[in-house]
């Protein structure tokens, strides 16, 4: 059995740090088509505080905006992106974001 590593999609969260009047933007670019599933936000305790379902579609580019109301208070959060590749396998990527109120 040959196990080929597929390149993960490159994603960017901006701005970081996120200020009170701004919304968080997600930009995703992939060499292969993927099916985005959800974006979840976790606090430092590992508690999920928000989940946003994404439109299920095979795409190589995705732009998504999270309203700043997804973050309840100033602090450090983790944003997790879940997706399914062309082979039907589930994957995720996580990034840290700072929110300043």
Protein backbone atom coordinates (compact mmCIF):
# COMPACT_ATOMS: atom_id res chain seq x y z
CA UNK A 1 0.00 0.00 0.00
CA UNK A 2 1.39 3.35 -1.02
CA UNK A 3 0.70 6.20 1.39
CA UNK A 4 1.00 9.51 -0.37
CA UNK A 5 1.06 12.70 1.64
CA UNK A 6 -1.19 15.30 0.10
CA UNK A 7 -0.37 18.98 0.58
CA UNK A 8 -2.63 20.66 3.10
CA UNK A 9 -4.51 23.73 1.98
CA UNK A 10 -2.83 26.99 2.86
CA UNK A 11 -5.05 29.23 4.91
CA UNK A 12 -4.68 32.67 6.31
CA UNK A 13 -6.57 34.37 9.12
CA UNK A 14 -6.40 38.14 9.19
CA UNK A 15 -6.16 40.58 10.82
CA UNK A 16 -4.30 39.12 13.79
CA UNK A 17 -4.62 40.55 16.39
CA UNK A 18 -8.29 41.14 15.78
CA UNK A 19 -9.69 44.38 17.20
CA UNK A 20 -13.22 45.07 18.45
CA UNK A 21 -14.56 46.80 15.31
CA UNK A 22 -13.09 44.26 12.85
CA UNK A 23 -14.28 40.93 11.48
CA UNK A 24 -11.95 37.95 11.07
CA UNK A 25 -11.37 36.92 7.47
CA UNK A 26 -10.36 33.45 6.33
CA UNK A 27 -8.64 32.98 3.00
CA UNK A 28 -8.02 29.42 1.80
CA UNK A 29 -6.05 28.22 -1.19
CA UNK A 30 -5.49 24.56 -2.07
CA UNK A 31 -3.74 22.65 -4.86
CA UNK A 32 -6.55 20.09 -4.82
CA UNK A 33 -10.30 20.51 -4.50
CA UNK A 34 -11.59 20.06 -0.94
CA UNK A 35 -14.98 20.16 0.76
CA UNK A 36 -14.95 22.70 3.61
CA UNK A 37 -17.06 21.56 6.57
CA UNK A 38 -16.83 23.80 9.65
CA UNK A 39 -14.89 26.55 11.34
CA UNK A 40 -14.86 26.25 15.14
CA UNK A 41 -13.55 28.65 17.76
CA UNK A 42 -12.08 27.39 21.04
CA UNK A 43 -10.94 29.24 24.16
CA UNK A 44 -7.69 28.44 26.00
CA UNK A 45 -9.51 25.85 28.14
CA UNK A 46 -10.33 23.90 25.00
CA UNK A 47 -14.04 24.73 25.20
CA UNK A 48 -15.73 25.21 21.84
CA UNK A 49 -17.47 28.57 21.94
CA UNK A 50 -18.71 28.80 18.34
CA UNK A 51 -19.10 26.62 15.25
CA UNK A 52 -19.89 27.85 11.77
CA UNK A 53 -20.99 25.42 9.06
CA UNK A 54 -19.54 26.12 5.66
CA UNK A 55 -21.30 25.48 2.36
CA UNK A 56 -20.35 21.99 1.20
CA UNK A 57 -18.70 22.30 -2.17
CA UNK A 58 -15.56 21.11 -3.87
CA UNK A 59 -13.36 24.16 -4.16
CA UNK A 60 -9.74 25.24 -4.37
CA UNK A 61 -10.35 28.77 -3.06
CA UNK A 62 -12.57 29.91 -0.20
CA UNK A 63 -13.16 33.26 1.47
CA UNK A 64 -15.15 33.44 4.70
CA UNK A 65 -15.78 36.18 7.27
CA UNK A 66 -16.36 35.56 10.99
CA UNK A 67 -18.19 38.35 12.82
CA UNK A 68 -16.34 39.66 15.87
CA UNK A 69 -19.38 38.70 17.97
CA UNK A 70 -18.06 35.10 17.75
CA UNK A 71 -15.49 36.09 20.39
CA UNK A 72 -17.06 36.74 23.83
CA UNK A 73 -14.12 38.58 25.44
CA UNK A 74 -10.55 39.72 24.86
CA UNK A 75 -8.08 36.88 24.83
CA UNK A 76 -6.37 34.16 22.84
CA UNK A 77 -8.49 31.74 20.83
CA UNK A 78 -7.91 28.83 18.50
CA UNK A 79 -9.68 28.69 15.14
CA UNK A 80 -10.08 25.18 13.73
CA UNK A 81 -10.91 24.51 10.10
CA UNK A 82 -12.33 21.05 9.23
CA UNK A 83 -12.46 19.78 5.67
CA UNK A 84 -12.70 16.59 3.58
CA UNK A 85 -10.22 15.85 0.79
CA UNK A 86 -10.97 14.30 -2.60
CA UNK A 87 -10.41 10.80 -1.19
CA UNK A 88 -13.10 11.38 1.47
CA UNK A 89 -10.69 11.64 4.43
CA UNK A 90 -11.35 14.19 7.16
CA UNK A 91 -8.63 16.71 8.07
CA UNK A 92 -8.29 19.82 10.20
CA UNK A 93 -5.97 22.77 10.68
CA UNK A 94 -5.77 25.04 13.71
CA UNK A 95 -4.43 28.58 14.12
CA UNK A 96 -4.14 30.89 17.10
CA UNK A 97 -5.82 34.31 17.07
CA UNK A 98 -5.71 37.18 19.56
CA UNK A 99 -8.88 39.20 20.09
CA UNK A 100 -8.68 42.69 21.64
CA UNK A 101 -11.86 44.33 22.85
